[in-house]
């Protein structure tokens, strides 16, 4: 009695993303496709120099990936996708490993930030002390949703998870300066001082796509 034909038993397109027959007839591990990180452009000279300096500073040290990524973001403002293959090669890692770390930590950016960066704490202590209203106010005042850079490139709005000011929340950081016990009104004053206000005052009806401002004054 003939045996039933097994699915995918015949030669054809590879359906398993991680293995394929090797020349020796054994399953060889394949690097998963990285459609989101495949560089579309070659790294610039400045980016290559930043990578060389970051790698040289960590030469011979175990666990160098995070320090290298921190150094690149400090030097370039972000970790360009075009550098991922170079990072992987320099540290003897796969591109998937490098991409996994970059995408796991919210701290790392793959695109340049705005001229100012506003990081708003979204951890529990700040959430329990008015953080949600402050987040809504920040988006409404800046005209920019969380995780985005405003169209004019003036500011990037990012959530962070603990700025170390749990006893004096809600807290945020504008560029390198921390601000505690922040309120929507105080935030508006800070943004006005930096020329970042997209709205002249706290709006009663936030722009489309921006969460409603809890407790906003009419």
N, C-alpha and C. Protein backbone atom coordinates (compact mmCIF):
# COMPACT_ATOMS: atom_id res chain seq x y z
N UNK A 1 0.86 -1.21 0.00
CA UNK A 1 0.00 0.00 0.00
C UNK A 1 0.89 1.24 0.00
N UNK A 2 0.67 2.15 -1.00
CA UNK A 2 1.57 3.33 -1.06
C UNK A 2 1.35 4.27 0.12
N UNK A 3 2.44 4.86 0.55
CA UNK A 3 2.36 5.81 1.66
C UNK A 3 1.77 7.12 1.19
N UNK A 4 0.94 7.79 2.05
CA UNK A 4 0.42 9.12 1.66
C UNK A 4 1.55 10.11 1.52
N UNK A 5 1.37 11.04 0.58
CA UNK A 5 2.40 12.06 0.32
C UNK A 5 2.38 13.11 1.42
N UNK A 6 3.55 13.40 1.97
CA UNK A 6 3.64 14.38 3.05
C UNK A 6 3.66 15.79 2.48
N UNK A 7 3.05 16.74 3.19
CA UNK A 7 3.12 18.13 2.74
C UNK A 7 4.57 18.59 2.66
N UNK A 8 4.89 19.35 1.62
CA UNK A 8 6.21 19.92 1.43
C UNK A 8 7.29 18.84 1.24
N UNK A 9 6.86 17.63 0.91
CA UNK A 9 7.85 16.58 0.72
C UNK A 9 8.59 16.73 -0.59
N UNK A 10 7.94 17.35 -1.58
CA UNK A 10 8.59 17.51 -2.87
C UNK A 10 9.43 18.77 -2.88
N UNK A 11 10.46 18.80 -3.76
CA UNK A 11 11.28 20.01 -3.85
C UNK A 11 10.42 21.20 -4.22
N UNK A 12 10.72 22.32 -3.69
CA UNK A 12 9.95 23.52 -3.99
C UNK A 12 10.48 24.65 -3.16
N UNK A 13 9.73 25.75 -3.12
CA UNK A 13 10.19 26.92 -2.36
C UNK A 13 10.36 26.58 -0.89
N UNK A 14 11.37 27.11 -0.29
CA UNK A 14 11.65 26.88 1.12
C UNK A 14 10.60 27.55 1.96
N UNK A 15 9.90 26.76 2.79
CA UNK A 15 8.86 27.33 3.63
C UNK A 15 9.33 27.56 5.04
N UNK A 16 10.30 26.81 5.49
CA UNK A 16 10.83 27.03 6.83
C UNK A 16 11.85 28.14 6.80
N UNK A 17 11.67 29.20 7.59
CA UNK A 17 12.55 30.36 7.49
C UNK A 17 13.93 30.16 8.08
N UNK A 18 14.14 29.11 8.87
CA UNK A 18 15.39 29.04 9.60
C UNK A 18 16.33 27.94 9.15
N UNK A 19 15.86 26.99 8.33
CA UNK A 19 16.75 25.91 7.92
C UNK A 19 16.63 25.66 6.44
N UNK A 20 17.69 25.10 5.86
CA UNK A 20 17.69 24.72 4.47
C UNK A 20 18.73 23.64 4.30
N UNK A 21 18.56 22.77 3.30
CA UNK A 21 19.57 21.74 3.09
C UNK A 21 20.89 22.37 2.70
N UNK A 22 21.95 21.92 3.30
CA UNK A 22 23.27 22.41 2.96
C UNK A 22 23.89 21.45 1.96
N UNK A 23 25.08 21.79 1.48
CA UNK A 23 25.77 20.94 0.53
C UNK A 23 26.06 19.59 1.14
N UNK A 24 26.20 19.53 2.46
CA UNK A 24 26.48 18.26 3.13
C UNK A 24 25.20 17.50 3.42
N UNK A 25 24.05 18.06 3.02
CA UNK A 25 22.80 17.36 3.23
C UNK A 25 22.22 17.58 4.61
N UNK A 26 22.81 18.40 5.45
CA UNK A 26 22.30 18.66 6.78
C UNK A 26 21.64 20.03 6.80
N UNK A 27 20.73 20.22 7.76
CA UNK A 27 20.07 21.50 7.89
C UNK A 27 21.04 22.57 8.33
N UNK A 28 21.08 23.64 7.59
CA UNK A 28 21.98 24.75 7.94
C UNK A 28 21.15 25.90 8.46
N UNK A 29 21.61 26.57 9.49
CA UNK A 29 20.88 27.68 10.07
C UNK A 29 20.98 28.88 9.16
N UNK A 30 19.84 29.43 8.85
CA UNK A 30 19.80 30.62 8.02
C UNK A 30 19.45 31.82 8.86
N UNK A 31 20.01 32.94 8.51
CA UNK A 31 19.67 34.18 9.18
C UNK A 31 18.30 34.63 8.70
N UNK A 32 17.36 34.94 9.58
CA UNK A 32 16.03 35.34 9.14
C UNK A 32 16.10 36.61 8.32
N UNK A 33 15.15 36.76 7.39
CA UNK A 33 15.17 37.97 6.58
C UNK A 33 14.97 39.21 7.43
N UNK A 34 15.62 40.27 7.08
CA UNK A 34 15.54 41.51 7.84
C UNK A 34 15.03 42.61 6.93
N UNK A 35 13.80 42.47 6.53
CA UNK A 35 13.25 43.44 5.60
C UNK A 35 13.25 44.83 6.18
N UNK A 36 13.04 44.92 7.52
CA UNK A 36 12.94 46.24 8.12
C UNK A 36 14.30 46.87 8.36
N UNK A 37 15.37 46.08 8.31
CA UNK A 37 16.67 46.65 8.61
C UNK A 37 17.62 46.63 7.43
N UNK A 38 17.19 46.02 6.33
CA UNK A 38 18.08 45.97 5.18
C UNK A 38 18.41 47.39 4.75
N UNK A 39 19.67 47.76 4.76
CA UNK A 39 20.00 49.14 4.43
C UNK A 39 19.70 49.45 2.99
N UNK A 40 19.09 50.57 2.74
CA UNK A 40 18.79 51.00 1.39
C UNK A 40 19.89 51.89 0.85
N UNK A 41 20.73 52.41 1.74
CA UNK A 41 21.84 53.25 1.32
C UNK A 41 23.09 52.81 2.08
N UNK A 42 24.22 53.10 1.49
CA UNK A 42 25.49 52.78 2.15
C UNK A 42 25.72 53.78 3.27
N UNK A 43 26.42 53.36 4.31
CA UNK A 43 26.71 54.32 5.39
C UNK A 43 27.60 55.44 4.89
N UNK A 44 27.42 56.61 5.47
CA UNK A 44 28.25 57.75 5.10
C UNK A 44 29.62 57.61 5.73
N UNK A 45 30.53 58.46 5.30
CA UNK A 45 31.88 58.44 5.87
C UNK A 45 31.83 58.74 7.36
N UNK A 46 31.01 59.71 7.75
CA UNK A 46 30.90 60.06 9.17
C UNK A 46 30.35 58.89 9.98
N UNK A 47 29.38 58.18 9.41
CA UNK A 47 28.83 57.03 10.12
C UNK A 47 29.86 55.91 10.25
N UNK A 48 30.62 55.68 9.20
CA UNK A 48 31.65 54.64 9.26
C UNK A 48 32.73 55.01 10.28
N UNK A 49 33.08 56.29 10.34
CA UNK A 49 34.09 56.72 11.31
C UNK A 49 33.56 56.56 12.74
N UNK A 50 32.28 56.88 12.93
CA UNK A 50 31.70 56.72 14.27
C UNK A 50 31.69 55.26 14.68
N UNK A 51 31.38 54.37 13.74
CA UNK A 51 31.39 52.94 14.05
C UNK A 51 32.80 52.47 14.37
N UNK A 52 33.77 52.88 13.58
CA UNK A 52 35.15 52.47 13.84
C UNK A 52 35.60 52.92 15.23
N UNK A 53 35.25 54.15 15.60
CA UNK A 53 35.64 54.66 16.91
C UNK A 53 34.93 53.90 18.03
N UNK A 54 33.65 53.61 17.83
CA UNK A 54 32.89 52.90 18.87
C UNK A 54 33.41 51.49 19.06
N UNK A 55 33.73 50.82 17.97
CA UNK A 55 34.24 49.45 18.06
C UNK A 55 35.63 49.45 18.68
N UNK A 56 36.47 50.39 18.27
CA UNK A 56 37.83 50.45 18.82
C UNK A 56 37.82 50.68 20.33
N UNK A 57 36.85 51.47 20.80
CA UNK A 57 36.78 51.75 22.24
C UNK A 57 36.39 50.52 23.05
N UNK A 58 35.78 49.55 22.38
CA UNK A 58 35.33 48.34 23.09
C UNK A 58 36.14 47.12 22.68
N UNK A 59 37.26 47.31 22.05
CA UNK A 59 38.05 46.20 21.51
C UNK A 59 38.38 45.19 22.60
N UNK A 60 38.06 43.94 22.33
CA UNK A 60 38.42 42.87 23.25
C UNK A 60 37.50 42.72 24.44
N UNK A 61 36.51 43.59 24.59
CA UNK A 61 35.61 43.52 25.75
C UNK A 61 34.38 42.67 25.41
N UNK A 62 33.99 41.78 26.31
CA UNK A 62 32.77 40.99 26.06
C UNK A 62 31.53 41.86 26.20
N UNK A 63 30.49 41.47 25.52
CA UNK A 63 29.23 42.22 25.62
C UNK A 63 29.35 43.64 25.12
N UNK A 64 30.02 43.81 23.98
CA UNK A 64 30.30 45.16 23.50
C UNK A 64 29.13 45.78 22.73
N UNK A 65 28.10 45.01 22.42
CA UNK A 65 27.05 45.53 21.55
C UNK A 65 26.37 46.76 22.14
N UNK A 66 25.90 46.66 23.37
CA UNK A 66 25.20 47.82 23.96
C UNK A 66 26.09 49.04 24.05
N UNK A 67 27.33 48.93 24.54
CA UNK A 67 28.19 50.13 24.55
C UNK A 67 28.40 50.72 23.16
N UNK A 68 28.54 49.85 22.16
CA UNK A 68 28.74 50.36 20.80
C UNK A 68 27.49 51.10 20.32
N UNK A 69 26.31 50.54 20.60
CA UNK A 69 25.08 51.21 20.18
C UNK A 69 24.90 52.55 20.90
N UNK A 70 25.21 52.56 22.20
CA UNK A 70 25.13 53.84 22.93
C UNK A 70 26.09 54.86 22.33
N UNK A 71 27.29 54.43 22.01
CA UNK A 71 28.28 55.36 21.45
C UNK A 71 27.82 55.90 20.10
N UNK A 72 27.24 55.04 19.29
CA UNK A 72 26.76 55.49 17.98
C UNK A 72 25.63 56.49 18.11
N UNK A 73 24.70 56.21 19.03
CA UNK A 73 23.58 57.15 19.19
C UNK A 73 24.06 58.48 19.76
N UNK A 74 25.06 58.41 20.65
CA UNK A 74 25.59 59.66 21.20
C UNK A 74 26.30 60.47 20.11
N UNK A 75 26.97 59.78 19.19
CA UNK A 75 27.73 60.48 18.16
C UNK A 75 26.85 60.95 17.01
N UNK A 76 25.85 60.13 16.64
CA UNK A 76 25.07 60.40 15.44
C UNK A 76 23.63 60.82 15.72
N UNK A 77 23.19 60.65 16.95
CA UNK A 77 21.81 60.96 17.29
C UNK A 77 20.86 59.80 17.05
N UNK A 78 21.34 58.77 16.37
CA UNK A 78 20.55 57.57 16.12
C UNK A 78 21.51 56.48 15.66
N UNK A 79 20.96 55.27 15.51
CA UNK A 79 21.75 54.15 15.01
C UNK A 79 21.27 53.87 13.58
N UNK A 80 21.98 54.34 12.58
CA UNK A 80 21.50 54.19 11.20
C UNK A 80 21.37 52.72 10.80
N UNK A 81 20.25 52.34 10.17
CA UNK A 81 20.13 50.96 9.67
C UNK A 81 21.28 50.55 8.76
N UNK A 82 21.86 51.51 8.05
CA UNK A 82 22.97 51.19 7.15
C UNK A 82 24.19 50.67 7.90
N UNK A 83 24.27 50.93 9.20
CA UNK A 83 25.42 50.48 9.98
C UNK A 83 25.22 49.09 10.58
N UNK A 84 24.00 48.56 10.52
CA UNK A 84 23.74 47.27 11.16
C UNK A 84 24.66 46.16 10.64
N UNK A 85 24.83 46.01 9.32
CA UNK A 85 25.76 44.97 8.86
C UNK A 85 27.18 45.17 9.38
N UNK A 86 27.64 46.41 9.41
CA UNK A 86 28.99 46.69 9.90
C UNK A 86 29.14 46.39 11.38
N UNK A 87 28.12 46.71 12.16
CA UNK A 87 28.15 46.40 13.59
C UNK A 87 28.22 44.89 13.78
N UNK A 88 27.37 44.18 13.04
CA UNK A 88 27.33 42.72 13.17
C UNK A 88 28.68 42.11 12.81
N UNK A 89 29.27 42.58 11.73
CA UNK A 89 30.55 42.03 11.30
C UNK A 89 31.65 42.34 12.32
N UNK A 90 31.67 43.56 12.81
CA UNK A 90 32.73 43.96 13.74
C UNK A 90 32.65 43.18 15.06
N UNK A 91 31.44 42.83 15.48
CA UNK A 91 31.27 42.16 16.77
C UNK A 91 31.01 40.66 16.62
N UNK A 92 31.13 40.17 15.41
CA UNK A 92 30.93 38.73 15.15
C UNK A 92 29.53 38.28 15.60
N UNK A 93 28.55 39.08 15.24
CA UNK A 93 27.15 38.77 15.54
C UNK A 93 26.37 38.69 14.24
N UNK A 94 25.16 38.20 14.32
CA UNK A 94 24.30 38.23 13.14
C UNK A 94 23.57 39.56 13.09
N UNK A 95 23.11 39.92 11.91
CA UNK A 95 22.33 41.16 11.79
C UNK A 95 21.05 41.06 12.61
N UNK A 96 20.51 39.84 12.72
CA UNK A 96 19.29 39.65 13.51
C UNK A 96 19.54 39.99 14.98
N UNK A 97 20.70 39.60 15.49
CA UNK A 97 21.00 39.91 16.89
C UNK A 97 21.12 41.41 17.11
N UNK A 98 21.78 42.08 16.19
CA UNK A 98 21.94 43.54 16.32
C UNK A 98 20.59 44.22 16.21
N UNK A 99 19.82 43.83 15.21
CA UNK A 99 18.49 44.43 15.03
C UNK A 99 17.60 44.16 16.25
N UNK A 100 17.70 42.94 16.80
CA UNK A 100 16.88 42.61 17.96
C UNK A 100 17.13 43.52 19.14
N UNK A 101 18.37 43.84 19.38
CA UNK A 101 18.69 44.73 20.51
C UNK A 101 18.23 46.15 20.21
N UNK A 102 18.46 46.61 18.99
CA UNK A 102 18.05 47.98 18.65
C UNK A 102 16.53 48.14 18.77
N UNK A 103 15.81 47.15 18.30
CA UNK A 103 14.34 47.27 18.32
C UNK A 103 13.76 46.99 19.70
N UNK A 104 14.50 46.27 20.54
CA UNK A 104 13.97 45.95 21.87
C UNK A 104 14.01 47.16 22.80
N UNK A 105 15.09 47.89 22.76
CA UNK A 105 15.24 49.02 23.66
C UNK A 105 14.70 50.29 23.00
N UNK A 106 13.71 50.91 23.64
CA UNK A 106 13.12 52.12 23.08
C UNK A 106 14.12 53.26 23.00
N UNK A 107 15.18 53.16 23.77
CA UNK A 107 16.16 54.24 23.80
C UNK A 107 16.82 54.45 22.44
N UNK A 108 16.98 53.37 21.70
CA UNK A 108 17.71 53.48 20.44
C UNK A 108 16.77 53.90 19.33
N UNK A 109 17.25 54.87 18.54
CA UNK A 109 16.46 55.35 17.40
C UNK A 109 17.12 54.90 16.10
N UNK A 110 16.28 54.60 15.14
CA UNK A 110 16.80 54.26 13.81
C UNK A 110 16.73 55.44 12.86
N UNK A 111 16.07 56.51 13.29
CA UNK A 111 15.97 57.72 12.48
C UNK A 111 16.44 58.90 13.30
N UNK A 112 16.96 59.93 12.65
CA UNK A 112 17.41 61.12 13.41
C UNK A 112 16.26 61.74 14.19
N UNK A 113 16.59 62.25 15.37
CA UNK A 113 15.59 62.93 16.19
C UNK A 113 15.46 64.38 15.77
N UNK A 114 14.45 65.06 16.33
CA UNK A 114 14.29 66.48 16.08
C UNK A 114 15.37 67.29 16.80
N UNK A 115 15.31 68.61 16.61
CA UNK A 115 16.33 69.47 17.24
C UNK A 115 16.23 69.42 18.76
N UNK A 116 15.06 69.22 19.28
CA UNK A 116 14.85 69.00 20.71
C UNK A 116 14.19 67.63 20.89
N UNK A 117 14.49 66.99 22.01
CA UNK A 117 13.87 65.70 22.33
C UNK A 117 13.18 65.82 23.68
N UNK A 118 11.88 65.59 23.69
CA UNK A 118 11.11 65.58 24.93
C UNK A 118 10.79 64.14 25.28
N UNK A 119 11.32 63.68 26.40
CA UNK A 119 11.08 62.31 26.86
C UNK A 119 10.20 62.38 28.09
N UNK A 120 9.06 61.73 28.01
CA UNK A 120 8.06 61.80 29.07
C UNK A 120 7.97 60.45 29.76
N UNK A 121 8.10 60.46 31.08
CA UNK A 121 8.08 59.20 31.83
C UNK A 121 6.67 58.60 31.82
N UNK A 122 6.59 57.34 31.44
CA UNK A 122 5.32 56.61 31.39
C UNK A 122 5.30 55.46 32.38
N UNK A 123 6.21 55.46 33.34
CA UNK A 123 6.25 54.38 34.32
C UNK A 123 5.14 54.57 35.36
N UNK A 124 4.96 53.55 36.20
CA UNK A 124 3.79 53.50 37.06
C UNK A 124 3.69 54.69 38.02
N UNK A 125 4.81 55.07 38.63
CA UNK A 125 4.75 56.13 39.63
C UNK A 125 4.27 57.44 39.02
N UNK A 126 4.77 57.77 37.84
CA UNK A 126 4.34 59.00 37.18
C UNK A 126 2.91 58.87 36.65
N UNK A 127 2.57 57.67 36.18
CA UNK A 127 1.20 57.46 35.70
C UNK A 127 0.20 57.70 36.81
N UNK A 128 0.56 57.28 38.04
CA UNK A 128 -0.35 57.42 39.17
C UNK A 128 -0.42 58.84 39.69
N UNK A 129 0.40 59.70 39.15
CA UNK A 129 0.47 61.07 39.67
C UNK A 129 0.23 62.12 38.59
N UNK A 130 -0.61 61.76 37.62
CA UNK A 130 -0.96 62.73 36.58
C UNK A 130 -0.21 62.55 35.28
N UNK A 131 0.49 61.45 35.13
CA UNK A 131 1.27 61.24 33.91
C UNK A 131 0.45 61.15 32.65
N UNK A 132 -0.74 60.58 32.75
CA UNK A 132 -1.57 60.42 31.55
C UNK A 132 -2.04 61.78 31.04
N UNK A 133 -2.47 62.65 31.96
CA UNK A 133 -2.89 64.00 31.55
C UNK A 133 -1.72 64.77 30.97
N UNK A 134 -0.54 64.58 31.55
CA UNK A 134 0.64 65.27 31.04
C UNK A 134 1.01 64.78 29.64
N UNK A 135 0.87 63.48 29.41
CA UNK A 135 1.17 62.94 28.08
C UNK A 135 0.20 63.50 27.04
N UNK A 136 -1.06 63.58 27.41
CA UNK A 136 -2.04 64.14 26.48
C UNK A 136 -1.75 65.61 26.20
N UNK A 137 -1.38 66.34 27.25
CA UNK A 137 -1.07 67.76 27.08
C UNK A 137 0.16 67.93 26.19
N UNK A 138 1.17 67.09 26.38
CA UNK A 138 2.39 67.21 25.57
C UNK A 138 2.08 67.01 24.10
N UNK A 139 1.26 66.01 23.79
CA UNK A 139 0.93 65.76 22.39
C UNK A 139 0.10 66.89 21.80
N UNK A 140 -0.82 67.42 22.60
CA UNK A 140 -1.67 68.50 22.10
C UNK A 140 -0.87 69.79 21.92
N UNK A 141 -0.02 70.11 22.88
CA UNK A 141 0.76 71.35 22.80
C UNK A 141 1.79 71.31 21.68
N UNK A 142 2.39 70.14 21.48
CA UNK A 142 3.42 70.03 20.45
C UNK A 142 2.84 69.77 19.07
N UNK A 143 1.59 69.30 19.02
CA UNK A 143 1.03 68.90 17.73
C UNK A 143 1.76 67.70 17.17
N UNK A 144 2.14 66.78 18.05
CA UNK A 144 2.99 65.65 17.67
C UNK A 144 2.61 64.46 18.53
N UNK A 145 2.37 63.33 17.89
CA UNK A 145 2.03 62.12 18.64
C UNK A 145 3.29 61.49 19.23
N UNK A 146 3.08 60.67 20.23
CA UNK A 146 4.19 59.96 20.87
C UNK A 146 4.93 59.09 19.83
N UNK A 147 6.23 58.98 20.00
CA UNK A 147 7.10 58.19 19.10
C UNK A 147 7.34 58.90 17.77
N UNK A 148 7.01 60.17 17.69
CA UNK A 148 7.13 60.85 16.40
C UNK A 148 7.95 62.13 16.51
N UNK A 149 8.44 62.54 15.35
CA UNK A 149 9.10 63.85 15.23
C UNK A 149 8.16 64.78 14.48
N UNK A 150 8.01 66.00 14.98
CA UNK A 150 7.09 66.94 14.35
C UNK A 150 7.54 67.24 12.91
N UNK A 151 6.60 67.59 12.08
CA UNK A 151 6.88 67.77 10.65
C UNK A 151 7.96 68.81 10.40
N UNK A 152 8.06 69.82 11.28
CA UNK A 152 9.08 70.85 11.06
C UNK A 152 10.44 70.45 11.62
N UNK A 153 10.53 69.24 12.18
CA UNK A 153 11.82 68.76 12.69
C UNK A 153 12.26 69.42 13.98
N UNK A 154 11.37 70.18 14.62
CA UNK A 154 11.77 70.93 15.81
C UNK A 154 11.87 70.05 17.05
N UNK A 155 11.07 69.01 17.13
CA UNK A 155 11.00 68.26 18.38
C UNK A 155 10.56 66.82 18.12
N UNK A 156 11.12 65.93 18.91
CA UNK A 156 10.71 64.52 18.93
C UNK A 156 10.11 64.23 20.30
N UNK A 157 8.98 63.55 20.31
CA UNK A 157 8.30 63.21 21.56
C UNK A 157 8.41 61.70 21.78
N UNK A 158 9.00 61.33 22.91
CA UNK A 158 9.24 59.90 23.18
C UNK A 158 8.77 59.53 24.58
N UNK A 159 8.20 58.34 24.75
CA UNK A 159 7.94 57.83 26.11
C UNK A 159 9.22 57.17 26.64
N UNK A 160 9.43 57.30 27.93
CA UNK A 160 10.52 56.58 28.58
C UNK A 160 9.94 55.92 29.83
N UNK A 161 10.65 54.94 30.30
CA UNK A 161 10.11 54.18 31.44
C UNK A 161 11.07 54.29 32.62
N UNK A 162 10.85 55.38 33.33
CA UNK A 162 11.52 55.80 34.56
C UNK A 162 12.73 56.69 34.29
N UNK A 163 12.62 57.88 34.82
CA UNK A 163 13.71 58.85 34.78
C UNK A 163 14.37 58.97 36.14
N UNK A 164 13.97 58.11 37.09
CA UNK A 164 14.58 58.14 38.41
C UNK A 164 14.02 59.22 39.32
N UNK A 165 12.86 59.76 38.97
CA UNK A 165 12.25 60.83 39.79
C UNK A 165 10.88 60.38 40.30
N UNK A 166 10.80 59.14 40.73
CA UNK A 166 9.50 58.55 41.10
C UNK A 166 8.82 59.31 42.23
N UNK A 167 9.56 59.87 43.14
CA UNK A 167 8.95 60.57 44.28
C UNK A 167 8.48 61.97 43.93
N UNK A 168 8.85 62.44 42.75
CA UNK A 168 8.51 63.82 42.38
C UNK A 168 7.87 63.88 41.00
N UNK A 169 7.16 62.83 40.65
CA UNK A 169 6.52 62.78 39.35
C UNK A 169 5.25 63.62 39.30
N UNK A 170 4.70 63.78 38.11
CA UNK A 170 5.22 63.23 36.86
C UNK A 170 6.45 63.98 36.38
N UNK A 171 7.31 63.24 35.70
CA UNK A 171 8.60 63.80 35.31
C UNK A 171 8.78 63.68 33.80
N UNK A 172 9.62 64.55 33.30
CA UNK A 172 10.00 64.49 31.89
C UNK A 172 11.40 65.06 31.74
N UNK A 173 11.94 64.84 30.58
CA UNK A 173 13.27 65.35 30.26
C UNK A 173 13.21 66.03 28.91
N UNK A 174 13.69 67.27 28.88
CA UNK A 174 13.80 68.00 27.61
C UNK A 174 15.28 68.12 27.29
N UNK A 175 15.70 67.49 26.23
CA UNK A 175 17.12 67.37 25.89
C UNK A 175 17.85 66.73 27.09
N UNK A 176 18.78 67.42 27.72
CA UNK A 176 19.50 66.78 28.82
C UNK A 176 19.02 67.25 30.19
N UNK A 177 17.92 67.98 30.25
CA UNK A 177 17.48 68.56 31.52
C UNK A 177 16.22 67.87 32.03
N UNK A 178 16.29 67.44 33.29
CA UNK A 178 15.14 66.78 33.91
C UNK A 178 14.20 67.81 34.52
N UNK A 179 12.90 67.49 34.51
CA UNK A 179 11.89 68.36 35.11
C UNK A 179 10.96 67.47 35.93
N UNK A 180 10.78 67.83 37.20
CA UNK A 180 9.93 67.06 38.11
C UNK A 180 8.67 67.85 38.44
N UNK A 181 7.71 67.13 39.04
CA UNK A 181 6.42 67.72 39.42
C UNK A 181 5.85 68.57 38.28
N UNK A 182 5.87 68.01 37.11
CA UNK A 182 5.43 68.75 35.93
C UNK A 182 3.91 68.71 35.82
N UNK A 183 3.35 69.81 35.39
CA UNK A 183 1.92 69.90 35.12
C UNK A 183 1.75 70.36 33.67
N UNK A 184 0.56 70.19 33.10
CA UNK A 184 0.36 70.70 31.74
C UNK A 184 0.67 72.19 31.62
N UNK A 185 0.32 72.96 32.64
CA UNK A 185 0.58 74.40 32.57
C UNK A 185 2.08 74.70 32.60
N UNK A 186 2.81 74.00 33.47
CA UNK A 186 4.26 74.22 33.52
C UNK A 186 4.92 73.73 32.24
N UNK A 187 4.42 72.66 31.69
CA UNK A 187 4.98 72.18 30.44
C UNK A 187 4.78 73.22 29.33
N UNK A 188 3.59 73.81 29.29
CA UNK A 188 3.34 74.83 28.28
C UNK A 188 4.33 75.99 28.42
N UNK A 189 4.65 76.36 29.66
CA UNK A 189 5.61 77.44 29.87
C UNK A 189 7.00 77.05 29.35
N UNK A 190 7.41 75.80 29.63
CA UNK A 190 8.73 75.36 29.17
C UNK A 190 8.79 75.33 27.64
N UNK A 191 7.73 74.82 27.04
CA UNK A 191 7.73 74.73 25.59
C UNK A 191 7.69 76.11 24.94
N UNK A 192 6.97 77.03 25.57
CA UNK A 192 6.93 78.41 25.06
C UNK A 192 8.33 79.02 25.11
N UNK A 193 9.05 78.74 26.20
CA UNK A 193 10.40 79.28 26.33
C UNK A 193 11.36 78.74 25.29
N UNK A 194 11.09 77.55 24.79
CA UNK A 194 11.95 76.95 23.77
C UNK A 194 11.44 77.19 22.35
N UNK A 195 10.33 77.92 22.27
CA UNK A 195 9.76 78.18 20.95
C UNK A 195 9.17 76.94 20.30
N UNK A 196 8.67 76.03 21.12
CA UNK A 196 8.18 74.75 20.59
C UNK A 196 6.67 74.63 20.59
N UNK A 197 5.97 75.64 21.07
CA UNK A 197 4.52 75.50 21.15
C UNK A 197 3.91 75.47 19.76
N UNK A 198 3.15 74.40 19.48
CA UNK A 198 2.37 74.35 18.25
C UNK A 198 1.00 74.93 18.48
N UNK A 199 0.54 74.88 19.74
CA UNK A 199 -0.75 75.44 20.11
C UNK A 199 -0.50 76.58 21.10
N UNK A 200 -1.22 77.71 20.99
CA UNK A 200 -0.98 78.83 21.88
C UNK A 200 -1.37 78.54 23.32
N UNK A 201 -2.23 77.58 23.54
CA UNK A 201 -2.67 77.24 24.89
C UNK A 201 -3.17 75.82 24.87
N UNK A 202 -3.45 75.29 26.02
CA UNK A 202 -3.99 73.94 26.09
C UNK A 202 -5.35 73.90 25.40
N UNK A 203 -5.51 73.13 24.34
CA UNK A 203 -6.76 73.14 23.59
C UNK A 203 -7.85 72.33 24.29
N UNK A 204 -9.09 72.77 24.09
CA UNK A 204 -10.21 72.01 24.63
C UNK A 204 -10.45 70.77 23.80
N UNK A 205 -10.19 70.85 22.49
CA UNK A 205 -10.37 69.72 21.59
C UNK A 205 -9.04 69.45 20.92
N UNK A 206 -8.34 68.39 21.34
CA UNK A 206 -7.04 68.10 20.75
C UNK A 206 -7.17 67.72 19.29
N UNK A 207 -6.05 67.84 18.54
CA UNK A 207 -6.09 67.49 17.11
C UNK A 207 -6.50 66.04 16.90
N UNK A 208 -6.98 65.79 15.71
CA UNK A 208 -7.40 64.43 15.35
C UNK A 208 -6.24 63.46 15.54
N UNK A 209 -6.54 62.34 16.17
CA UNK A 209 -5.52 61.32 16.36
C UNK A 209 -4.77 61.46 17.65
N UNK A 210 -4.95 62.57 18.36
CA UNK A 210 -4.28 62.78 19.63
C UNK A 210 -5.27 62.50 20.75
N UNK A 211 -4.91 61.72 21.75
CA UNK A 211 -5.85 61.41 22.82
C UNK A 211 -6.38 62.65 23.51
N UNK A 212 -7.62 62.57 23.98
CA UNK A 212 -8.24 63.70 24.66
C UNK A 212 -7.47 64.07 25.90
N UNK A 213 -7.37 65.32 26.19
CA UNK A 213 -6.63 65.82 27.33
C UNK A 213 -7.49 65.74 28.57
N UNK A 214 -7.18 64.82 29.45
CA UNK A 214 -7.96 64.65 30.67
C UNK A 214 -7.80 65.87 31.56
N UNK A 215 -8.89 66.42 31.99
CA UNK A 215 -8.84 67.53 32.92
C UNK A 215 -8.49 68.86 32.28
N UNK A 216 -8.55 68.93 30.93
CA UNK A 216 -8.20 70.19 30.26
C UNK A 216 -9.22 71.26 30.58
N UNK A 217 -8.74 72.45 30.73
CA UNK A 217 -9.64 73.56 31.02
C UNK A 217 -10.29 74.04 29.73
N UNK A 218 -11.52 74.46 29.78
CA UNK A 218 -12.17 74.93 28.54
C UNK A 218 -11.53 76.23 28.07
